[in-house]
PDB file of N, CA and C in Angstrom:
ATOM      1  N   ALA A   1       0.642   2.105  -1.339  1.00  0.00           N
ATOM      2  CA  ALA A   1       1.442   3.039  -1.956  1.00  0.00           C
ATOM      3  C   ALA A   1       0.925   4.591  -2.052  1.00  0.00           C
ATOM      4  N   LEU A   2      -0.233   4.679  -1.896  1.00  0.00           N
ATOM      5  CA  LEU A   2      -1.013   5.910  -1.847  1.00  0.00           C
ATOM      6  C   LEU A   2      -0.624   6.602  -0.410  1.00  0.00           C
ATOM      7  N   LYS A   3      -1.019   5.702   0.489  1.00  0.00           N
ATOM      8  CA  LYS A   3      -0.781   6.457   1.859  1.00  0.00           C
ATOM      9  C   LYS A   3       0.751   6.835   2.059  1.00  0.00           C
ATOM     10  N   GLU A   4       1.684   5.877   1.662  1.00  0.00           N
ATOM     11  CA  GLU A   4       3.131   6.285   1.984  1.00  0.00           C
ATOM     12  C   GLU A   4       3.507   7.322   1.023  1.00  0.00           C
ATOM     13  N   ALA A   5       2.997   7.675   0.097  1.00  0.00           N
ATOM     14  CA  ALA A   5       3.398   8.741  -0.933  1.00  0.00           C
ATOM     15  C   ALA A   5       2.616  10.166  -0.217  1.00  0.00           C
ATOM     16  N   GLU A   6       1.505   9.981   0.367  1.00  0.00           N
ATOM     17  CA  GLU A   6       0.739  11.326   0.924  1.00  0.00           C
ATOM     18  C   GLU A   6       1.575  11.685   2.121  1.00  0.00           C
ATOM     19  N   THR A   7       2.047  10.317   3.063  1.00  0.00           N
ATOM     20  CA  THR A   7       2.699  10.449   4.370  1.00  0.00           C
ATOM     21  C   THR A   7       3.793  11.472   3.952  1.00  0.00           C
ATOM     22  N   ALA A   8       4.829  10.904   2.861  1.00  0.00           N
ATOM     23  CA  ALA A   8       6.339  11.495   2.795  1.00  0.00           C
ATOM     24  C   ALA A   8       6.078  12.816   1.920  1.00  0.00           C
ATOM     25  N   ARG A   9       5.041  13.178   1.285  1.00  0.00           N
ATOM     26  CA  ARG A   9       4.456  14.645   0.909  1.00  0.00           C
ATOM     27  C   ARG A   9       4.106  15.587   2.103  1.00  0.00           C
ATOM     28  N   LYS A  10       3.762  15.133   3.143  1.00  0.00           N
ATOM     29  CA  LYS A  10       3.067  15.999   4.082  1.00  0.00           C
ATOM     30  C   LYS A  10       4.443  16.472   5.045  1.00  0.00           C
ATOM     31  N   GLU A  11       5.269  15.102   4.886  1.00  0.00           N
ATOM     32  CA  GLU A  11       6.704  15.556   5.687  1.00  0.00           C
ATOM     33  C   GLU A  11       7.468  16.530   5.060  1.00  0.00           C
ATOM     34  N   ALA A  12       7.405  16.326   3.600  1.00  0.00           N
ATOM     35  CA  ALA A  12       8.346  17.240   2.798  1.00  0.00           C
ATOM     36  C   ALA A  12       7.753  18.778   2.790  1.00  0.00           C
ATOM     37  N   LYS A  13       6.412  18.763   2.689  1.00  0.00           N
ATOM     38  CA  LYS A  13       5.831  20.077   3.132  1.00  0.00           C
ATOM     39  C   LYS A  13       6.148  20.642   4.433  1.00  0.00           C
ATOM     40  N   GLU A  14       6.250  20.146   5.339  1.00  0.00           N
ATOM     41  CA  GLU A  14       6.689  20.424   6.744  1.00  0.00           C
ATOM     42  C   GLU A  14       8.070  20.841   6.664  1.00  0.00           C
ATOM     43  N   LYS A  15       9.051  20.114   5.821  1.00  0.00           N
ATOM     44  CA  LYS A  15      10.270  20.579   5.672  1.00  0.00           C
ATOM     45  C   LYS A  15      10.904  21.664   4.753  1.00  0.00           C
ATOM     46  N   PHE A  16      10.028  21.640   3.785  1.00  0.00           N
ATOM     47  CA  PHE A  16      10.694  22.465   2.598  1.00  0.00           C
ATOM     48  C   PHE A  16       9.808  23.405   2.216  1.00  0.00           C
ATOM     49  N   THR A  17       9.861  24.470   1.907  1.00  0.00           N
ATOM     50  CA  THR A  17       8.770  25.331   1.509  1.00  0.00           C
ATOM     51  C   THR A  17       9.066  25.770  -0.182  1.00  0.00           C
ATOM     52  N   ASP A  18       9.897  25.427  -0.690  1.00  0.00           N
ATOM     53  CA  ASP A  18      10.207  25.900  -2.157  1.00  0.00           C
ATOM     54  C   ASP A  18       9.530  24.565  -2.917  1.00  0.00           C
ATOM     55  N   MET A  19       8.654  25.095  -3.787  1.00  0.00           N
ATOM     56  CA  MET A  19       7.591  24.211  -4.332  1.00  0.00           C
ATOM     57  C   MET A  19       8.467  22.914  -5.455  1.00  0.00           C
ATOM     58  N   ARG A  20       9.564  23.663  -6.207  1.00  0.00           N
ATOM     59  CA  ARG A  20      10.546  22.865  -6.731  1.00  0.00           C
ATOM     60  C   ARG A  20      11.093  21.565  -6.109  1.00  0.00           C
ATOM     61  N   ARG A  21      11.243  21.464  -4.845  1.00  0.00           N
ATOM     62  CA  ARG A  21      11.560  20.371  -3.891  1.00  0.00           C
ATOM     63  C   ARG A  21      10.843  19.550  -3.832  1.00  0.00           C
ATOM     64  N   LEU A  22       9.337  20.095  -3.767  1.00  0.00           N
ATOM     65  CA  LEU A  22       8.017  19.266  -3.494  1.00  0.00           C
ATOM     66  C   LEU A  22       7.446  18.812  -4.478  1.00  0.00           C
ATOM     67  N   ALA A  23       8.043  19.104  -5.774  1.00  0.00           N
ATOM     68  CA  ALA A  23       7.492  18.542  -7.208  1.00  0.00           C
ATOM     69  C   ALA A  23       7.377  17.052  -7.171  1.00  0.00           C
ATOM     70  N   ALA A  24       8.553  16.367  -6.697  1.00  0.00           N
ATOM     71  CA  ALA A  24       8.748  15.092  -6.726  1.00  0.00           C
ATOM     72  C   ALA A  24       7.832  14.307  -5.904  1.00  0.00           C
ATOM     73  N   TYR A  25       7.458  14.776  -4.629  1.00  0.00           N
ATOM     74  CA  TYR A  25       6.180  14.576  -3.841  1.00  0.00           C
ATOM     75  C   TYR A  25       5.009  14.221  -4.506  1.00  0.00           C
ATOM     76  N   GLU A  26       4.640  15.411  -4.966  1.00  0.00           N
ATOM     77  CA  GLU A  26       3.298  15.752  -5.541  1.00  0.00           C
ATOM     78  C   GLU A  26       3.168  14.519  -6.751  1.00  0.00           C
ATOM     79  N   LYS A  27       4.070  14.527  -7.640  1.00  0.00           N
ATOM     80  CA  LYS A  27       4.418  13.604  -8.694  1.00  0.00           C
ATOM     81  C   LYS A  27       4.060  12.264  -7.984  1.00  0.00           C
ATOM     82  N   ALA A  28       4.885  11.810  -6.946  1.00  0.00           N
ATOM     83  CA  ALA A  28       4.482  10.540  -6.617  1.00  0.00           C
ATOM     84  C   ALA A  28       3.190  10.264  -6.025  1.00  0.00           C
ATOM     85  N   VAL A  29       2.464  11.099  -5.328  1.00  0.00           N
ATOM     86  CA  VAL A  29       1.006  11.279  -5.099  1.00  0.00           C
ATOM     87  C   VAL A  29       0.168  11.274  -6.115  1.00  0.00           C
ATOM     88  N   SER A  30       0.457  11.945  -7.161  1.00  0.00           N
ATOM     89  CA  SER A  30      -0.445  12.198  -8.475  1.00  0.00           C
ATOM     90  C   SER A  30      -0.455  10.477  -9.074  1.00  0.00           C
ATOM     91  N   ASP A  31       0.776   9.888  -8.983  1.00  0.00           N
ATOM     92  CA  ASP A  31       0.906   8.674 -10.033  1.00  0.00           C
ATOM     93  C   ASP A  31       0.298   7.843  -8.886  1.00  0.00           C
ATOM     94  N   ALA A  32       0.019   7.689  -7.652  1.00  0.00           N
ATOM     95  CA  ALA A  32      -0.256   6.910  -6.864  1.00  0.00           C
ATOM     96  C   ALA A  32      -1.880   6.914  -6.764  1.00  0.00           C
ATOM     97  N   GLN A  33      -2.326   8.257  -7.057  1.00  0.00           N
ATOM     98  CA  GLN A  33      -3.914   8.236  -7.006  1.00  0.00           C
ATOM     99  C   GLN A  33      -4.266   7.672  -8.527  1.00  0.00           C
ATOM    100  N   TYR A  34      -3.529   8.138  -9.574  1.00  0.00           N
ATOM    101  CA  TYR A  34      -4.024   7.387 -10.718  1.00  0.00           C
ATOM    102  C   TYR A  34      -3.894   5.932 -10.746  1.00  0.00           C
ATOM    103  N   ARG A  35      -2.815   5.340 -10.468  1.00  0.00           N
ATOM    104  CA  ARG A  35      -2.735   3.834 -10.295  1.00  0.00           C
ATOM    105  C   ARG A  35      -3.937   3.327  -9.367  1.00  0.00           C
ATOM    106  N   TYR A  36      -4.407   4.123  -8.480  1.00  0.00           N
ATOM    107  CA  TYR A  36      -5.310   3.373  -7.646  1.00  0.00           C
ATOM    108  C   TYR A  36      -6.785   3.520  -8.378  1.00  0.00           C
ATOM    109  N   ARG A  37      -7.040   4.781  -9.083  1.00  0.00           N
ATOM    110  CA  ARG A  37      -8.232   4.828  -9.775  1.00  0.00           C
ATOM    111  C   ARG A  37      -8.247   3.845 -10.943  1.00  0.00           C
ATOM    112  N   GLN A  38      -7.210   3.419 -11.497  1.00  0.00           N
ATOM    113  CA  GLN A  38      -7.310   2.575 -12.466  1.00  0.00           C
ATOM    114  C   GLN A  38      -7.728   1.237 -12.104  1.00  0.00           C
ATOM    115  N   LEU A  39      -7.030   0.489 -10.899  1.00  0.00           N
ATOM    116  CA  LEU A  39      -7.443  -0.503 -10.256  1.00  0.00           C
ATOM    117  C   LEU A  39      -8.861  -0.371  -9.861  1.00  0.00           C
ATOM    118  N   LEU A  40      -9.258   0.608  -9.219  1.00  0.00           N
ATOM    119  CA  LEU A  40     -10.539   0.387  -8.784  1.00  0.00           C
ATOM    120  C   LEU A  40     -11.636   0.478  -9.894  1.00  0.00           C
ATOM    121  N   THR A  41     -11.323   0.832 -11.032  1.00  0.00           N
ATOM    122  CA  THR A  41     -12.176   0.870 -12.242  1.00  0.00           C
ATOM    123  C   THR A  41     -11.989  -0.355 -12.787  1.00  0.00           C
ATOM    124  N   LYS A  42     -10.809  -1.251 -12.945  1.00  0.00           N
ATOM    125  CA  LYS A  42     -11.047  -2.389 -13.383  1.00  0.00           C
ATOM    126  C   LYS A  42     -11.563  -3.569 -12.597  1.00  0.00           C
ATOM    127  N   TRP A  43     -11.632  -3.104 -11.065  1.00  0.00           N
ATOM    128  CA  TRP A  43     -12.237  -4.165 -10.344  1.00  0.00           C
ATOM    129  C   TRP A  43     -13.418  -3.808 -10.322  1.00  0.00           C
ATOM    130  N   LYS A  44     -14.183  -2.701 -10.431  1.00  0.00           N
ATOM    131  CA  LYS A  44     -15.698  -2.420 -10.684  1.00  0.00           C
ATOM    132  C   LYS A  44     -16.209  -3.273 -11.786  1.00  0.00           C
ATOM    133  N   GLU A  45     -15.310  -3.174 -13.124  1.00  0.00           N
ATOM    134  CA  GLU A  45     -15.664  -3.654 -14.406  1.00  0.00           C
ATOM    135  C   GLU A  45     -15.813  -5.151 -14.175  1.00  0.00           C
ATOM    136  N   GLU A  46     -14.796  -5.761 -13.479  1.00  0.00           N
ATOM    137  CA  GLU A  46     -14.533  -7.256 -13.240  1.00  0.00           C
ATOM    138  C   GLU A  46     -15.850  -7.786 -12.557  1.00  0.00           C
ATOM    139  N   ALA A  47     -16.124  -6.797 -11.411  1.00  0.00           N
ATOM    140  CA  ALA A  47     -17.283  -7.643 -10.694  1.00  0.00           C
ATOM    141  C   ALA A  47     -18.678  -7.437 -11.276  1.00  0.00           C
ATOM    142  N   LYS A  48     -18.996  -6.730 -12.490  1.00  0.00           N
ATOM    143  CA  LYS A  48     -20.254  -6.748 -13.100  1.00  0.00           C
ATOM    144  C   LYS A  48     -20.373  -8.198 -13.588  1.00  0.00           C
TER     145      LYS A  48
END
């Protein structure tokens, strides 16, 4: 999901210059990064 969000953001940045249009893509990447960090933290805790 993170790579997909980053790819979509990259494509949107090439297409749009208006930051308001990019906000949804930035939010998607931010949310995906947050979920990834949470899962990584959970995995590290369970591995102990």
